[in-house]
Amino acid sequence: MISNQGKGAPASPVDGHVHLHHLSFVPRTLDAARVNFEHIAGARAGVQGVLLLTQAASEHVFEQLQSADTLGSWRFSAAANEPQTLIARQNGTAIAIVCGRQVRARGGLECLALGTLQEFADNQTFAETVKAVRASDGLPVLPWGFGKWLGKRGDEVQACLRAAGNRALYVGDNASRLAMWGSPAIIRQSQQQGFRVLPGTDPFPFGGDYRRVGGFGFFANTPIDERAPWGSLRSWLSGLAESPTAFGHALGPVKFTVNQLGIQIYNRFFRSKA
C-alpha cells in the first residue's frame, strides 16, 4: 500500500506514468482522472491535477490533441508558455496534460522521458538513452516493470542506477504491480540510496484500465502555474532531496492476473494493428 496524503494540503496530485493509447480513449480517461483527482485532493480552482504522458513510439495522441478543440465534454488549449503541455477543461475543472515519451532501450529496459516533445530512437543502450533524454531537457525516469527487474536484468538495473547517479535519474513506481507484494525491493533500495521515486498508474490499453488514471501518483507541494505547468513541476522536482509523497494503491490479485494475461494477448495479436 502506498502512503496517503499525510499532513497539509499539497497543491496538486500528479500521475507520473500515463498512456492515453488512442484518441477515442481521451474523454473517458479524463473523466476518470477528474474523479480520482477530486477524490484524492478535493475539487480546487486552477489546475486540478497533472497527467505526465509517456507515449511509446507508436503513440501520438498528444499530437492529435494539439489540433483538437474539443473531445466529448472536454476542451483543449495549449499552455501559454509551454508547447509540451495542453490544458483540458470541463465545467470549470482544468487538468494539465504534459507530453513525454517511453523509450525502449536494449535488454528489455525502458526509460521514460517526461516533459518533452522530442522523439527518441529505440534499441540504444540504457546509458545512451538517458544521455539523449537529458540532452533534450526531458526528465529521465527508469520505470519499474513486472518481471523486468529480476535476475541478470535486475543486476543491470542496479548498474544503470549507479552509473547515472541519484541526481541525474529518477525511478518510476507504478500501480500495475501486485499490491500484496508491496513496493519492489529495488525501488526501496534506490530510495535509500537517494533516488527520487515518481509513481504513476501505467494503464493498459484494454479492459477499462483507463479508469485507474489519476488514482496513483504523487503530490506536488508547489503551486502549478497554468501558463507553464511542467516548468512549475520540474523546478520543484529538481529541488527535492527525497521522493515526493505518494498516493493510491497497486492492484489486487484478480485485476493483476487479468491485466498480465491481457497484455500478453494484446502484444501478440493487437499491438501491430494499434
C-alpha atoms as a PDB file:
ATOM      1  CA  MET A   1       0.000   0.000   0.000  1.00  0.00           C
ATOM      2  CA  ILE A   2       1.270   3.469  -0.912  1.00  0.00           C
ATOM      3  CA  SER A   3       1.197   6.180   1.715  1.00  0.00           C
ATOM      4  CA  ASN A   4      -1.708   8.598   1.779  1.00  0.00           C
ATOM      5  CA  GLN A   5      -1.631  12.354   1.562  1.00  0.00           C
ATOM      6  CA  GLY A   6      -0.389  12.964   5.076  1.00  0.00           C
ATOM      7  CA  LYS A   7      -0.293  16.381   6.729  1.00  0.00           C
ATOM      8  CA  GLY A   8      -1.218  19.558   4.919  1.00  0.00           C
ATOM      9  CA  ALA A   9      -2.871  20.060   1.548  1.00  0.00           C
ATOM     10  CA  PRO A  10      -0.455  19.588  -1.351  1.00  0.00           C
ATOM     11  CA  ALA A  11      -1.021  21.836  -4.320  1.00  0.00           C
ATOM     12  CA  SER A  12      -1.781  19.157  -6.867  1.00  0.00           C
ATOM     13  CA  PRO A  13      -1.901  15.396  -7.435  1.00  0.00           C
ATOM     14  CA  VAL A  14       0.280  14.131 -10.308  1.00  0.00           C
ATOM     15  CA  ASP A  15       0.013  10.831 -12.167  1.00  0.00           C
ATOM     16  CA  GLY A  16       3.595  10.212 -13.264  1.00  0.00           C
ATOM     17  CA  HIS A  17       3.089   7.453 -15.873  1.00  0.00           C
ATOM     18  CA  VAL A  18       0.132   7.830 -18.233  1.00  0.00           C
ATOM     19  CA  HIS A  19      -0.726   6.327 -21.613  1.00  0.00           C
ATOM     20  CA  LEU A  20      -3.792   7.586 -23.481  1.00  0.00           C
ATOM     21  CA  HIS A  21      -3.286   4.819 -26.094  1.00  0.00           C
ATOM     22  CA  HIS A  22      -5.858   6.115 -28.598  1.00  0.00           C
ATOM     23  CA  LEU A  23      -7.676   9.382 -29.258  1.00  0.00           C
ATOM     24  CA  SER A  24     -11.026   7.711 -28.582  1.00  0.00           C
ATOM     25  CA  PHE A  25      -9.879   6.901 -25.024  1.00  0.00           C
ATOM     26  CA  VAL A  26      -9.198  10.529 -24.116  1.00  0.00           C
ATOM     27  CA  PRO A  27     -12.606  11.807 -22.890  1.00  0.00           C
ATOM     28  CA  ARG A  28     -13.294   8.778 -20.687  1.00  0.00           C
ATOM     29  CA  THR A  29      -9.709   8.824 -19.351  1.00  0.00           C
ATOM     30  CA  LEU A  30     -10.005  12.498 -18.414  1.00  0.00           C
ATOM     31  CA  ASP A  31     -13.402  11.838 -16.800  1.00  0.00           C
ATOM     32  CA  ALA A  32     -11.756   9.131 -14.664  1.00  0.00           C
ATOM     33  CA  ALA A  33      -8.763  11.328 -13.841  1.00  0.00           C
ATOM     34  CA  ARG A  34     -11.045  14.139 -12.726  1.00  0.00           C
ATOM     35  CA  VAL A  35     -12.987  11.841 -10.391  1.00  0.00           C
ATOM     36  CA  ASN A  36      -9.812  10.281  -8.984  1.00  0.00           C
ATOM     37  CA  PHE A  37      -8.033  13.612  -8.503  1.00  0.00           C
ATOM     38  CA  GLU A  38     -11.051  15.120  -6.747  1.00  0.00           C
ATOM     39  CA  HIS A  39     -11.379  12.065  -4.514  1.00  0.00           C
ATOM     40  CA  ILE A  40      -7.709  12.321  -3.543  1.00  0.00           C
ATOM     41  CA  ALA A  41      -7.262  16.071  -3.192  1.00  0.00           C
ATOM     42  CA  GLY A  42     -10.717  17.633  -3.335  1.00  0.00           C
ATOM     43  CA  ALA A  43     -12.024  19.991  -6.011  1.00  0.00           C
ATOM     44  CA  ARG A  44      -9.929  23.123  -6.467  1.00  0.00           C
ATOM     45  CA  ALA A  45      -9.579  26.200  -8.620  1.00  0.00           C
ATOM     46  CA  GLY A  46      -6.824  26.302 -11.229  1.00  0.00           C
ATOM     47  CA  VAL A  47      -5.116  23.068 -12.245  1.00  0.00           C
ATOM     48  CA  GLN A  48      -6.868  20.129 -10.580  1.00  0.00           C
ATOM     49  CA  GLY A  49      -4.079  17.675 -11.368  1.00  0.00           C
ATOM     50  CA  VAL A  50      -1.328  16.783 -13.818  1.00  0.00           C
ATOM     51  CA  LEU A  51      -1.016  13.809 -16.180  1.00  0.00           C
ATOM     52  CA  LEU A  52       2.534  13.039 -17.323  1.00  0.00           C
ATOM     53  CA  LEU A  53       2.263  11.219 -20.643  1.00  0.00           C
ATOM     54  CA  THR A  54       4.780   8.521 -21.547  1.00  0.00           C
ATOM     55  CA  GLN A  55       3.973   7.872 -25.198  1.00  0.00           C
ATOM     56  CA  ALA A  56       5.536   4.847 -26.880  1.00  0.00           C
ATOM     57  CA  ALA A  57       6.925   5.182 -30.402  1.00  0.00           C
ATOM     58  CA  SER A  58       3.585   4.088 -31.902  1.00  0.00           C
ATOM     59  CA  GLU A  59       1.530   6.550 -29.814  1.00  0.00           C
ATOM     60  CA  HIS A  60       0.900  10.126 -30.968  1.00  0.00           C
ATOM     61  CA  VAL A  61      -2.251  11.027 -29.087  1.00  0.00           C
ATOM     62  CA  PHE A  62      -0.787  14.260 -27.714  1.00  0.00           C
ATOM     63  CA  GLU A  63      -0.021  15.431 -31.259  1.00  0.00           C
ATOM     64  CA  GLN A  64      -3.596  14.625 -32.286  1.00  0.00           C
ATOM     65  CA  LEU A  65      -4.938  16.567 -29.318  1.00  0.00           C
ATOM     66  CA  GLN A  66      -2.968  19.636 -30.372  1.00  0.00           C
ATOM     67  CA  SER A  67      -5.313  20.003 -33.322  1.00  0.00           C
ATOM     68  CA  ALA A  68      -8.490  19.058 -31.446  1.00  0.00           C
ATOM     69  CA  ASP A  69     -10.595  21.848 -29.952  1.00  0.00           C
ATOM     70  CA  THR A  70     -12.990  19.525 -28.144  1.00  0.00           C
ATOM     71  CA  LEU A  71     -13.494  15.837 -27.441  1.00  0.00           C
ATOM     72  CA  GLY A  72     -16.626  14.825 -25.623  1.00  0.00           C
ATOM     73  CA  SER A  73     -17.236  17.479 -22.965  1.00  0.00           C
ATOM     74  CA  TRP A  74     -13.528  18.422 -22.754  1.00  0.00           C
ATOM     75  CA  ARG A  75     -11.976  21.492 -24.394  1.00  0.00           C
ATOM     76  CA  PHE A  76      -8.250  21.668 -25.160  1.00  0.00           C
ATOM     77  CA  SER A  77      -5.852  24.575 -25.409  1.00  0.00           C
ATOM     78  CA  ALA A  78      -2.085  24.932 -25.341  1.00  0.00           C
ATOM     79  CA  ALA A  79      -0.438  26.143 -22.135  1.00  0.00           C
ATOM     80  CA  ALA A  80       0.540  29.750 -22.770  1.00  0.00           C
ATOM     81  CA  ASN A  81       4.273  29.348 -22.157  1.00  0.00           C
ATOM     82  CA  GLU A  82       4.817  25.644 -22.761  1.00  0.00           C
ATOM     83  CA  PRO A  83       4.483  23.795 -26.090  1.00  0.00           C
ATOM     84  CA  GLN A  84       4.700  20.354 -24.443  1.00  0.00           C
ATOM     85  CA  THR A  85       1.599  20.956 -22.309  1.00  0.00           C
ATOM     86  CA  LEU A  86      -2.114  21.075 -23.065  1.00  0.00           C
ATOM     87  CA  ILE A  87      -4.820  22.206 -20.661  1.00  0.00           C
ATOM     88  CA  ALA A  88      -8.015  20.138 -20.761  1.00  0.00           C
ATOM     89  CA  ARG A  89     -11.085  21.915 -19.356  1.00  0.00           C
ATOM     90  CA  GLN A  90     -14.516  20.666 -18.352  1.00  0.00           C
ATOM     91  CA  ASN A  91     -17.082  22.731 -16.426  1.00  0.00           C
ATOM     92  CA  GLY A  92     -14.504  24.764 -14.547  1.00  0.00           C
ATOM     93  CA  THR A  93     -12.034  21.909 -13.976  1.00  0.00           C
ATOM     94  CA  ALA A  94      -8.576  22.078 -15.566  1.00  0.00           C
ATOM     95  CA  ILE A  95      -6.212  19.123 -15.986  1.00  0.00           C
ATOM     96  CA  ALA A  96      -2.695  19.600 -17.369  1.00  0.00           C
ATOM     97  CA  ILE A  97      -1.531  17.020 -19.921  1.00  0.00           C
ATOM     98  CA  VAL A  98       2.262  17.054 -20.325  1.00  0.00           C
ATOM     99  CA  CYS A  99       3.812  15.262 -23.300  1.00  0.00           C
ATOM    100  CA  GLY A 100       6.585  12.738 -22.729  1.00  0.00           C
ATOM    101  CA  ARG A 101       7.965   9.512 -24.193  1.00  0.00           C
ATOM    102  CA  GLN A 102       8.535   5.870 -23.282  1.00  0.00           C
ATOM    103  CA  VAL A 103      11.776   4.742 -24.913  1.00  0.00           C
ATOM    104  CA  ARG A 104      12.738   1.083 -25.254  1.00  0.00           C
ATOM    105  CA  ALA A 105      16.426   0.523 -24.559  1.00  0.00           C
ATOM    106  CA  ARG A 106      18.383  -2.658 -25.224  1.00  0.00           C
ATOM    107  CA  GLY A 107      17.949  -5.668 -22.985  1.00  0.00           C
ATOM    108  CA  GLY A 108      14.277  -5.050 -22.280  1.00  0.00           C
ATOM    109  CA  LEU A 109      14.848  -1.918 -20.176  1.00  0.00           C
ATOM    110  CA  GLU A 110      12.845   1.263 -20.674  1.00  0.00           C
ATOM    111  CA  CYS A 111      13.427   4.940 -19.984  1.00  0.00           C
ATOM    112  CA  LEU A 112      10.668   7.488 -19.590  1.00  0.00           C
ATOM    113  CA  ALA A 113      11.361  10.972 -20.926  1.00  0.00           C
ATOM    114  CA  LEU A 114       8.999  13.309 -19.080  1.00  0.00           C
ATOM    115  CA  GLY A 115       8.117  16.775 -20.278  1.00  0.00           C
ATOM    116  CA  THR A 116       9.370  16.691 -23.853  1.00  0.00           C
ATOM    117  CA  LEU A 117       8.007  16.691 -27.402  1.00  0.00           C
ATOM    118  CA  GLN A 118      11.175  15.146 -28.782  1.00  0.00           C
ATOM    119  CA  GLU A 119      11.092  11.564 -30.052  1.00  0.00           C
ATOM    120  CA  PHE A 120      13.933   9.128 -29.373  1.00  0.00           C
ATOM    121  CA  ALA A 121      15.375   6.094 -31.106  1.00  0.00           C
ATOM    122  CA  ASP A 122      14.579   2.751 -29.508  1.00  0.00           C
ATOM    123  CA  ASN A 123      17.145  -0.032 -29.019  1.00  0.00           C
ATOM    124  CA  GLN A 124      20.025   2.133 -27.817  1.00  0.00           C
ATOM    125  CA  THR A 125      21.921   1.219 -24.656  1.00  0.00           C
ATOM    126  CA  PHE A 126      20.297   2.481 -21.494  1.00  0.00           C
ATOM    127  CA  ALA A 127      23.184   4.899 -20.888  1.00  0.00           C
ATOM    128  CA  GLU A 128      22.826   6.289 -24.424  1.00  0.00           C
ATOM    129  CA  THR A 129      19.078   6.658 -23.933  1.00  0.00           C
ATOM    130  CA  VAL A 130      19.439   8.544 -20.648  1.00  0.00           C
ATOM    131  CA  LYS A 131      22.049  10.813 -22.240  1.00  0.00           C
ATOM    132  CA  ALA A 132      19.701  11.591 -25.141  1.00  0.00           C
ATOM    133  CA  VAL A 133      16.780  12.314 -22.792  1.00  0.00           C
ATOM    134  CA  ARG A 134      18.872  14.650 -20.656  1.00  0.00           C
ATOM    135  CA  ALA A 135      20.170  16.430 -23.767  1.00  0.00           C
ATOM    136  CA  SER A 136      16.552  17.089 -24.784  1.00  0.00           C
ATOM    137  CA  ASP A 137      15.889  18.647 -21.365  1.00  0.00           C
ATOM    138  CA  GLY A 138      13.436  15.834 -20.645  1.00  0.00           C
ATOM    139  CA  LEU A 139      13.359  14.232 -17.209  1.00  0.00           C
ATOM    140  CA  PRO A 140      14.724  10.642 -17.360  1.00  0.00           C
ATOM    141  CA  VAL A 141      12.930   8.009 -15.287  1.00  0.00           C
ATOM    142  CA  LEU A 142      13.751   4.295 -15.004  1.00  0.00           C
ATOM    143  CA  PRO A 143      10.288   2.700 -14.636  1.00  0.00           C
ATOM    144  CA  TRP A 144       9.527  -0.498 -12.785  1.00  0.00           C
ATOM    145  CA  GLY A 145       8.100  -3.289 -14.952  1.00  0.00           C
ATOM    146  CA  PHE A 146       6.754  -6.688 -13.943  1.00  0.00           C
ATOM    147  CA  GLY A 147       9.484  -9.304 -14.393  1.00  0.00           C
ATOM    148  CA  LYS A 148      11.899  -6.751 -15.890  1.00  0.00           C
ATOM    149  CA  TRP A 149      13.963  -6.129 -12.756  1.00  0.00           C
ATOM    150  CA  LEU A 150      14.742  -9.751 -11.863  1.00  0.00           C
ATOM    151  CA  GLY A 151      17.911 -11.844 -12.205  1.00  0.00           C
ATOM    152  CA  LYS A 152      20.578 -10.532 -14.577  1.00  0.00           C
ATOM    153  CA  ARG A 153      18.313  -7.716 -15.686  1.00  0.00           C
ATOM    154  CA  GLY A 154      17.938  -6.651 -12.054  1.00  0.00           C
ATOM    155  CA  ASP A 155      21.724  -6.509 -11.832  1.00  0.00           C
ATOM    156  CA  GLU A 156      21.718  -4.340 -14.944  1.00  0.00           C
ATOM    157  CA  VAL A 157      19.133  -2.018 -13.372  1.00  0.00           C
ATOM    158  CA  GLN A 158      21.363  -1.622 -10.326  1.00  0.00           C
ATOM    159  CA  ALA A 159      24.353  -0.926 -12.577  1.00  0.00           C
ATOM    160  CA  CYS A 160      22.389   1.696 -14.519  1.00  0.00           C
ATOM    161  CA  LEU A 161      21.351   3.426 -11.309  1.00  0.00           C
ATOM    162  CA  ARG A 162      24.917   3.500 -10.005  1.00  0.00           C
ATOM    163  CA  ALA A 163      26.275   4.797 -13.314  1.00  0.00           C
ATOM    164  CA  ALA A 164      23.698   7.582 -13.671  1.00  0.00           C
ATOM    165  CA  GLY A 165      23.660   8.764 -10.061  1.00  0.00           C
ATOM    166  CA  ASN A 166      20.720   9.830  -7.924  1.00  0.00           C
ATOM    167  CA  ARG A 167      20.580  13.429  -9.152  1.00  0.00           C
ATOM    168  CA  ALA A 168      20.507  12.597 -12.862  1.00  0.00           C
ATOM    169  CA  LEU A 169      17.948   9.792 -12.916  1.00  0.00           C
ATOM    170  CA  TYR A 170      14.589   9.207 -11.258  1.00  0.00           C
ATOM    171  CA  VAL A 171      12.961   5.840 -10.535  1.00  0.00           C
ATOM    172  CA  GLY A 172       9.370   5.059 -11.513  1.00  0.00           C
ATOM    173  CA  ASP A 173       6.901   3.057  -9.461  1.00  0.00           C
ATOM    174  CA  ASN A 174       3.523   2.162 -10.954  1.00  0.00           C
ATOM    175  CA  ALA A 175       0.143   0.832  -9.971  1.00  0.00           C
ATOM    176  CA  SER A 176       0.274  -2.126 -12.370  1.00  0.00           C
ATOM    177  CA  ARG A 177       2.132  -4.235  -9.795  1.00  0.00           C
ATOM    178  CA  LEU A 178       0.529  -6.511  -7.208  1.00  0.00           C
ATOM    179  CA  ALA A 179      -0.329  -4.586  -4.028  1.00  0.00           C
ATOM    180  CA  MET A 180       0.143  -7.570  -1.693  1.00  0.00           C
ATOM    181  CA  TRP A 181       3.811  -7.830  -2.727  1.00  0.00           C
ATOM    182  CA  GLY A 182       4.490  -4.309  -1.535  1.00  0.00           C
ATOM    183  CA  SER A 183       6.956  -1.906  -3.105  1.00  0.00           C
ATOM    184  CA  PRO A 184       9.632  -3.758  -5.163  1.00  0.00           C
ATOM    185  CA  ALA A 185      12.955  -4.218  -3.365  1.00  0.00           C
ATOM    186  CA  ILE A 186      14.935  -2.231  -5.938  1.00  0.00           C
ATOM    187  CA  ILE A 187      12.600   0.738  -5.506  1.00  0.00           C
ATOM    188  CA  ARG A 188      13.054   0.617  -1.737  1.00  0.00           C
ATOM    189  CA  GLN A 189      16.824   0.296  -2.122  1.00  0.00           C
ATOM    190  CA  SER A 190      17.008   3.127  -4.637  1.00  0.00           C
ATOM    191  CA  GLN A 191      15.143   5.415  -2.235  1.00  0.00           C
ATOM    192  CA  GLN A 192      17.649   4.559   0.480  1.00  0.00           C
ATOM    193  CA  GLN A 193      20.401   5.492  -1.985  1.00  0.00           C
ATOM    194  CA  GLY A 194      18.851   8.922  -2.554  1.00  0.00           C
ATOM    195  CA  PHE A 195      16.936   8.313  -5.785  1.00  0.00           C
ATOM    196  CA  ARG A 196      13.612  10.094  -6.064  1.00  0.00           C
ATOM    197  CA  VAL A 197      10.682   7.808  -6.913  1.00  0.00           C
ATOM    198  CA  LEU A 198       7.835   9.089  -9.098  1.00  0.00           C
ATOM    199  CA  PRO A 199       4.707   6.872  -9.056  1.00  0.00           C
ATOM    200  CA  GLY A 200       2.080   6.645 -11.797  1.00  0.00           C
ATOM    201  CA  THR A 201      -0.691   4.343 -12.993  1.00  0.00           C
ATOM    202  CA  ASP A 202       0.735   2.962 -16.296  1.00  0.00           C
ATOM    203  CA  PRO A 203      -2.733   1.908 -17.595  1.00  0.00           C
ATOM    204  CA  PHE A 204      -3.167  -0.946 -20.057  1.00  0.00           C
ATOM    205  CA  PRO A 205      -4.988  -0.412 -23.402  1.00  0.00           C
ATOM    206  CA  PHE A 206      -7.898  -2.750 -22.653  1.00  0.00           C
ATOM    207  CA  GLY A 207     -10.482  -3.763 -20.091  1.00  0.00           C
ATOM    208  CA  GLY A 208     -11.393  -0.267 -18.976  1.00  0.00           C
ATOM    209  CA  ASP A 209      -7.978   0.154 -17.367  1.00  0.00           C
ATOM    210  CA  TYR A 210      -8.149   3.887 -18.161  1.00  0.00           C
ATOM    211  CA  ARG A 211     -10.362   4.167 -15.058  1.00  0.00           C
ATOM    212  CA  ARG A 212      -7.227   3.939 -12.905  1.00  0.00           C
ATOM    213  CA  VAL A 213      -5.645   7.117 -14.339  1.00  0.00           C
ATOM    214  CA  GLY A 214      -5.224   9.773 -11.667  1.00  0.00           C
ATOM    215  CA  GLY A 215      -5.635   7.231  -8.857  1.00  0.00           C
ATOM    216  CA  PHE A 216      -1.947   6.510  -8.233  1.00  0.00           C
ATOM    217  CA  GLY A 217       0.841   9.065  -8.217  1.00  0.00           C
ATOM    218  CA  PHE A 218       2.445  11.731  -6.060  1.00  0.00           C
ATOM    219  CA  PHE A 219       1.612  15.085  -4.521  1.00  0.00           C
ATOM    220  CA  ALA A 220       3.330  18.225  -5.791  1.00  0.00           C
ATOM    221  CA  ASN A 221       3.806  20.584  -2.860  1.00  0.00           C
ATOM    222  CA  THR A 222       4.084  23.616  -5.100  1.00  0.00           C
ATOM    223  CA  PRO A 223       1.639  25.868  -6.955  1.00  0.00           C
ATOM    224  CA  ILE A 224       1.130  24.722 -10.536  1.00  0.00           C
ATOM    225  CA  ASP A 225       1.272  27.676 -12.926  1.00  0.00           C
ATOM    226  CA  GLU A 226      -1.399  27.113 -15.579  1.00  0.00           C
ATOM    227  CA  ARG A 227       0.751  29.008 -18.092  1.00  0.00           C
ATOM    228  CA  ALA A 228       3.645  26.558 -17.586  1.00  0.00           C
ATOM    229  CA  PRO A 229       2.586  23.526 -15.511  1.00  0.00           C
ATOM    230  CA  TRP A 230       5.580  21.380 -16.411  1.00  0.00           C
ATOM    231  CA  GLY A 231       8.011  24.200 -15.665  1.00  0.00           C
ATOM    232  CA  SER A 232       6.476  24.598 -12.193  1.00  0.00           C
ATOM    233  CA  LEU A 233       6.554  20.868 -11.543  1.00  0.00           C
ATOM    234  CA  ARG A 234      10.016  20.218 -12.944  1.00  0.00           C
ATOM    235  CA  SER A 235      11.595  23.035 -10.940  1.00  0.00           C
ATOM    236  CA  TRP A 236      10.052  21.625  -7.768  1.00  0.00           C
ATOM    237  CA  LEU A 237      11.082  18.042  -8.549  1.00  0.00           C
ATOM    238  CA  SER A 238      14.669  19.077  -9.277  1.00  0.00           C
ATOM    239  CA  GLY A 239      14.957  20.642  -5.859  1.00  0.00           C
ATOM    240  CA  LEU A 240      13.670  17.656  -3.890  1.00  0.00           C
ATOM    241  CA  ALA A 241      16.074  15.918  -1.548  1.00  0.00           C
ATOM    242  CA  GLU A 242      13.826  12.843  -1.301  1.00  0.00           C
ATOM    243  CA  SER A 243      10.859  11.246  -3.016  1.00  0.00           C
ATOM    244  CA  PRO A 244       7.565  13.153  -3.057  1.00  0.00           C
ATOM    245  CA  THR A 245       4.648  11.861  -1.022  1.00  0.00           C
ATOM    246  CA  ALA A 246       2.843   9.100  -2.906  1.00  0.00           C
ATOM    247  CA  PHE A 247      -0.856   8.276  -3.037  1.00  0.00           C
ATOM    248  CA  GLY A 248      -3.019   5.389  -4.201  1.00  0.00           C
ATOM    249  CA  HIS A 249      -2.951   1.598  -4.280  1.00  0.00           C
ATOM    250  CA  ALA A 250      -1.494  -1.004  -6.618  1.00  0.00           C
ATOM    251  CA  LEU A 251      -3.629  -3.870  -7.994  1.00  0.00           C
ATOM    252  CA  GLY A 252      -5.454  -6.664  -6.247  1.00  0.00           C
ATOM    253  CA  PRO A 253      -4.693 -10.274  -7.294  1.00  0.00           C
ATOM    254  CA  VAL A 254      -7.645 -10.695  -9.686  1.00  0.00           C
ATOM    255  CA  LYS A 255      -7.086  -7.443 -11.579  1.00  0.00           C
ATOM    256  CA  PHE A 256      -3.329  -8.039 -11.642  1.00  0.00           C
ATOM    257  CA  THR A 257      -3.755 -11.528 -13.141  1.00  0.00           C
ATOM    258  CA  VAL A 258      -6.300 -10.334 -15.716  1.00  0.00           C
ATOM    259  CA  ASN A 259      -4.011  -7.488 -16.780  1.00  0.00           C
ATOM    260  CA  GLN A 260      -0.932  -9.691 -17.108  1.00  0.00           C
ATOM    261  CA  LEU A 261      -2.791 -12.230 -19.222  1.00  0.00           C
ATOM    262  CA  GLY A 262      -4.419  -9.460 -21.200  1.00  0.00           C
ATOM    263  CA  ILE A 263      -1.179  -7.685 -22.061  1.00  0.00           C
ATOM    264  CA  GLN A 264       0.322 -10.922 -23.380  1.00  0.00           C
ATOM    265  CA  ILE A 265      -2.677 -11.400 -25.689  1.00  0.00           C
ATOM    266  CA  TYR A 266      -2.676  -7.741 -26.707  1.00  0.00           C
ATOM    267  CA  ASN A 267       1.043  -7.697 -27.512  1.00  0.00           C
ATOM    268  CA  ARG A 268       0.754 -10.875 -29.551  1.00  0.00           C
ATOM    269  CA  PHE A 269      -2.389 -10.158 -31.560  1.00  0.00           C
ATOM    270  CA  PHE A 270      -3.228  -6.459 -31.437  1.00  0.00           C
ATOM    271  CA  ARG A 271      -0.166  -4.248 -30.880  1.00  0.00           C
ATOM    272  CA  SER A 272       0.913  -4.323 -34.532  1.00  0.00           C
ATOM    273  CA  LYS A 273      -2.581  -3.183 -35.530  1.00  0.00           C
ATOM    274  CA  ALA A 274      -2.801  -0.381 -32.967  1.00  0.00           C
END
